[in-house]
Amino acid sequence: MADILSGLSHLTSGESDDIIEEAFKLGIEKPAIASLRSKDIDVLVAGFRLCENLTSAPSDDVQVMFDSGILDVLVPLLTHDRNCIKKRALRTLSNLMAGNSSQVATILETEAILIIKSIIENEDTQIVVEAAHCIANLFFSAEGEQMKLLLEKYKLLEVMMELLATKNQEILIPVLEALENLLRTGKWIAEEQLSNKENPYIKYIEELDGLKALEELQKHESDEVYQKVYKIIETFFFKEDNLSLIHI
């Protein structure tokens, strides 16, 4: 079974969405999702490789995976006792979180976000890296009330602020991307819905000492981290009458 799944994974890998679209027409999601119920680690890993490919397709195609019940099987695997399975599960979930707002709503109905928070608090660095990518995609796709839910119910802004204290570039990059997406949404809300035109998320970030953390990260040895931090501060926090907000 593992060999068959590996072959299907190879056939669906690559840049062409047409191949995955054809695979969905053949019902490939059924054996892919069924493989995630296996107790055989080789079958499980091969099944995840296939599911990672399928969930990387455009959201309209990926809806088939949602409709076929992938979350019912996937979410429990986030707490698997093998790290290799946790990583694969998080990568697949991250792909699903990059979908549309309706798909995000479906994910929010599960325990996935609470498990991700627990992973960040308790797991080793490489597992946290995968969880950070989930958060980045979630803040890219979430809209309106979903964003409010992520901040107020799940306290994900606090989680991101804690992750900014790490020196690990692999964690920092997706967290900074999530923060930028949050602030970009706040900017849109300010311009379109608020009379005072003030980004509502800037205050939350400053109350959590987020700006101080960002300024400190401008000293990071990674140029990529520095550039992302600089862009966030310059775009959302910089004011001409307060040059001290940016330290170069």
Protein backbone atom coordinates (compact mmCIF):
# COMPACT_ATOMS: atom_id res chain seq x y z
CA MET A 1 0.00 0.00 0.00
CA ALA A 2 2.82 2.40 0.85
CA ASP A 3 4.36 1.83 -2.60
CA ILE A 4 1.07 2.58 -4.34
CA LEU A 5 0.62 5.78 -2.33
CA SER A 6 4.21 6.81 -3.06
CA GLY A 7 3.56 6.30 -6.76
CA LEU A 8 0.42 8.45 -6.61
CA SER A 9 2.37 11.07 -4.66
CA HIS A 10 5.02 11.14 -7.38
CA LEU A 11 2.37 11.51 -10.10
CA THR A 12 0.70 14.44 -8.33
CA SER A 13 3.88 16.30 -7.43
CA GLY A 14 5.10 19.27 -9.44
CA GLU A 15 3.81 22.66 -10.50
CA SER A 16 0.78 21.66 -12.59
CA ASP A 17 -2.61 22.09 -10.93
CA ASP A 18 -4.17 20.31 -13.93
CA ILE A 19 -2.68 17.00 -12.81
CA ILE A 20 -4.20 17.32 -9.35
CA GLU A 21 -7.53 18.39 -10.85
CA GLU A 22 -7.56 15.22 -12.95
CA ALA A 23 -6.60 13.19 -9.90
CA PHE A 24 -9.61 14.56 -8.02
CA LYS A 25 -11.86 13.59 -10.94
CA LEU A 26 -10.65 10.02 -10.43
CA GLY A 27 -11.52 10.17 -6.72
CA ILE A 28 -7.94 10.01 -5.48
CA GLU A 29 -8.90 11.86 -2.30
CA LYS A 30 -10.65 8.76 -0.99
CA PRO A 31 -7.62 6.43 -0.73
CA ALA A 32 -5.47 9.42 0.30
CA ILE A 33 -7.65 10.23 3.31
CA ALA A 34 -8.22 6.56 4.11
CA SER A 35 -4.46 6.06 4.33
CA LEU A 36 -4.30 8.52 7.22
CA ARG A 37 -6.26 6.03 9.31
CA SER A 38 -3.52 3.43 8.95
CA LYS A 39 -1.49 2.23 11.92
CA ASP A 40 1.40 1.41 9.60
CA ILE A 41 3.90 4.28 9.77
CA ASP A 42 5.15 3.69 6.21
CA VAL A 43 1.60 3.85 4.86
CA LEU A 44 0.86 6.91 6.99
CA VAL A 45 3.94 8.81 5.78
CA ALA A 46 3.26 7.92 2.13
CA GLY A 47 -0.37 8.93 2.57
CA PHE A 48 0.66 12.27 4.00
CA ARG A 49 2.97 12.93 1.06
CA LEU A 50 0.01 12.41 -1.25
CA CYS A 51 -2.30 14.56 0.90
CA GLU A 52 0.28 17.36 0.99
CA ASN A 53 0.25 17.40 -2.80
CA LEU A 54 -3.53 17.34 -3.04
CA THR A 55 -4.03 20.09 -0.45
CA SER A 56 -1.60 22.37 -2.28
CA ALA A 57 -4.11 22.76 -5.13
CA PRO A 58 -6.33 25.86 -5.55
CA SER A 59 -9.01 26.19 -2.88
CA ASP A 60 -11.87 25.23 -5.22
CA ASP A 61 -10.22 21.87 -5.86
CA VAL A 62 -9.15 21.39 -2.25
CA GLN A 63 -12.79 21.69 -1.18
CA VAL A 64 -13.11 18.04 -2.20
CA MET A 65 -10.73 17.16 0.66
CA PHE A 66 -12.89 19.08 3.13
CA ASP A 67 -16.06 17.47 1.81
CA SER A 68 -14.45 14.03 2.13
CA GLY A 69 -13.77 14.57 5.83
CA ILE A 70 -10.02 15.08 5.93
CA LEU A 71 -10.21 17.17 9.11
CA ASP A 72 -11.86 14.33 11.03
CA VAL A 73 -8.79 12.21 10.36
CA LEU A 74 -6.12 14.92 10.28
CA VAL A 75 -6.74 16.84 13.50
CA PRO A 76 -6.21 13.84 15.85
CA LEU A 77 -2.90 13.14 14.09
CA LEU A 78 -1.59 16.52 15.25
CA THR A 79 -1.00 14.86 18.62
CA HIS A 80 0.58 11.65 17.27
CA ASP A 81 3.45 10.29 19.33
CA ARG A 82 5.83 10.30 16.36
CA ASN A 83 7.31 13.67 15.42
CA CYS A 84 7.55 12.73 11.75
CA ILE A 85 3.76 12.29 11.69
CA LYS A 86 3.13 15.52 13.58
CA LYS A 87 5.24 17.42 11.05
CA ARG A 88 3.38 15.90 8.11
CA ALA A 89 0.03 16.59 9.74
CA LEU A 90 0.94 20.22 10.37
CA ARG A 91 2.16 20.68 6.79
CA THR A 92 -1.10 19.31 5.44
CA LEU A 93 -3.12 21.49 7.82
CA SER A 94 -1.05 24.51 6.81
CA ASN A 95 -2.02 23.89 3.18
CA LEU A 96 -5.68 23.69 4.16
CA MET A 97 -5.38 26.93 6.13
CA ALA A 98 -4.24 28.69 2.98
CA GLY A 99 -7.71 28.19 1.51
CA ASN A 100 -10.72 30.50 1.41
CA SER A 101 -12.65 31.95 4.34
CA SER A 102 -15.30 29.23 4.18
CA GLN A 103 -12.60 26.60 4.55
CA VAL A 104 -11.05 28.53 7.44
CA ALA A 105 -14.48 28.54 9.10
CA THR A 106 -14.58 24.75 8.83
CA ILE A 107 -11.15 24.48 10.45
CA LEU A 108 -12.23 26.80 13.26
CA GLU A 109 -15.00 24.35 14.12
CA THR A 110 -12.36 21.77 15.11
CA GLU A 111 -9.80 21.65 17.92
CA ALA A 112 -6.97 22.43 15.49
CA ILE A 113 -6.14 25.92 16.79
CA LEU A 114 -6.01 24.81 20.43
CA ILE A 115 -3.72 21.93 19.47
CA ILE A 116 -1.44 24.29 17.54
CA LYS A 117 -1.16 26.52 20.61
CA SER A 118 -0.25 23.50 22.73
CA ILE A 119 2.35 22.44 20.16
CA ILE A 120 3.98 25.86 20.25
CA GLU A 121 4.12 25.79 24.03
CA ASN A 122 5.40 22.23 24.43
CA GLU A 123 7.04 20.78 21.33
CA ASP A 124 10.60 20.95 20.01
CA THR A 125 11.76 23.58 17.58
CA GLN A 126 11.19 21.73 14.30
CA ILE A 127 7.58 20.98 15.21
CA VAL A 128 7.06 24.62 16.24
CA VAL A 129 8.38 25.71 12.83
CA GLU A 130 5.55 23.80 11.14
CA ALA A 131 3.01 25.24 13.57
CA ALA A 132 4.26 28.75 12.81
CA HIS A 133 3.56 28.17 9.11
CA CYS A 134 0.02 27.18 10.03
CA ILE A 135 -0.44 30.50 11.82
CA ALA A 136 0.99 32.42 8.85
CA ASN A 137 -1.47 30.82 6.43
CA LEU A 138 -4.34 31.22 8.86
CA PHE A 139 -3.80 34.97 9.13
CA PHE A 140 -3.47 35.16 5.36
CA SER A 141 -6.87 33.55 4.78
CA ALA A 142 -8.99 34.64 7.75
CA GLU A 143 -11.51 37.42 7.27
CA GLY A 144 -13.65 39.70 9.44
CA GLU A 145 -15.08 37.88 12.44
CA GLN A 146 -12.61 35.03 11.94
CA MET A 147 -9.72 37.39 12.59
CA LYS A 148 -11.48 38.68 15.69
CA LEU A 149 -11.95 35.09 16.88
CA LEU A 150 -8.26 34.30 16.40
CA LEU A 151 -7.30 37.30 18.51
CA GLU A 152 -9.94 37.31 21.23
CA LYS A 153 -10.80 33.63 21.73
CA TYR A 154 -7.55 31.94 20.79
CA LYS A 155 -5.19 34.77 21.81
CA LEU A 156 -2.95 34.11 18.81
CA LEU A 157 -1.48 37.60 18.91
CA GLU A 158 -0.02 36.79 22.33
CA VAL A 159 1.36 33.57 20.87
CA MET A 160 3.00 35.47 18.03
CA MET A 161 4.52 37.99 20.41
CA GLU A 162 6.07 35.17 22.42
CA LEU A 163 7.49 33.63 19.25
CA LEU A 164 9.13 36.93 18.33
CA ALA A 165 11.49 36.32 21.24
CA THR A 166 13.03 33.33 19.49
CA LYS A 167 16.22 33.66 17.51
CA ASN A 168 15.22 30.91 15.09
CA GLN A 169 14.79 32.34 11.60
CA GLU A 170 12.58 29.44 10.48
CA ILE A 171 10.07 30.40 13.16
CA LEU A 172 10.43 34.16 12.87
CA ILE A 173 9.76 34.40 9.13
CA PRO A 174 6.25 32.88 9.15
CA VAL A 175 5.37 34.70 12.38
CA LEU A 176 6.38 38.01 10.82
CA GLU A 177 4.33 37.16 7.74
CA ALA A 178 1.32 36.45 9.96
CA LEU A 179 1.84 39.75 11.77
CA GLU A 180 2.08 41.64 8.49
CA ASN A 181 -1.16 40.07 7.25
CA LEU A 182 -2.89 40.99 10.50
CA LEU A 183 -1.73 44.60 10.25
CA ARG A 184 -2.68 44.77 6.58
CA THR A 185 -6.19 43.64 7.49
CA GLY A 186 -6.28 46.25 10.25
CA LYS A 187 -5.23 48.93 7.78
CA TRP A 188 -8.08 47.97 5.47
CA ILE A 189 -10.55 48.05 8.39
CA ALA A 190 -9.29 51.52 9.39
CA GLU A 191 -9.62 52.91 5.88
CA GLU A 192 -12.96 51.33 5.02
CA GLN A 193 -14.87 51.06 8.28
CA LEU A 194 -13.46 53.35 10.98
CA SER A 195 -13.97 57.09 11.18
CA ASN A 196 -10.69 57.71 13.00
CA LYS A 197 -8.74 55.74 10.34
CA GLU A 198 -6.52 54.18 13.01
CA ASN A 199 -5.38 50.61 12.57
CA PRO A 200 -7.12 48.78 15.48
CA TYR A 201 -4.42 46.11 15.75
CA ILE A 202 -1.52 48.49 16.31
CA LYS A 203 -2.75 49.28 19.83
CA TYR A 204 -2.99 45.56 20.70
CA ILE A 205 0.52 44.94 19.47
CA GLU A 206 1.98 47.91 21.35
CA GLU A 207 0.20 46.84 24.57
CA LEU A 208 2.00 43.50 24.30
CA ASP A 209 5.34 45.25 23.75
CA GLY A 210 5.26 44.02 20.17
CA LEU A 211 6.84 47.14 18.73
CA LYS A 212 9.77 46.83 21.13
CA ALA A 213 10.18 43.20 20.07
CA LEU A 214 10.16 44.23 16.41
CA GLU A 215 12.74 46.94 16.98
CA GLU A 216 14.96 44.44 18.77
CA LEU A 217 14.67 42.05 15.84
CA GLN A 218 16.25 44.66 13.58
CA LYS A 219 19.48 43.53 15.21
CA HIS A 220 18.94 39.94 14.07
CA GLU A 221 21.80 38.42 12.09
CA SER A 222 19.46 37.33 9.31
CA ASP A 223 19.01 39.93 6.59
CA GLU A 224 15.66 38.36 5.66
CA VAL A 225 14.38 38.83 9.20
CA TYR A 226 15.69 42.39 9.28
CA GLN A 227 14.04 43.28 5.97
CA LYS A 228 10.67 41.88 7.02
CA VAL A 229 10.79 43.68 10.36
CA TYR A 230 11.87 46.93 8.72
CA LYS A 231 8.98 46.70 6.24
CA ILE A 232 6.43 46.11 9.01
CA ILE A 233 7.66 49.04 11.11
CA GLU A 234 7.97 51.39 8.16
CA THR A 235 4.55 50.47 6.74
CA PHE A 236 2.44 50.32 9.89
CA PHE A 237 4.25 52.07 12.76
CA PHE A 238 6.51 54.70 11.24
CA LYS A 239 5.47 58.33 11.63
CA GLU A 240 7.37 61.26 10.25
CA ASP A 241 7.18 63.03 13.60
CA ASN A 242 8.60 60.02 15.44
CA LEU A 243 11.78 58.89 13.76
CA SER A 244 12.82 56.89 16.82
CA LEU A 245 10.43 54.11 15.82
CA ILE A 246 13.05 52.78 13.45
CA HIS A 247 16.54 52.02 14.52
CA ILE A 248 18.96 51.12 11.78
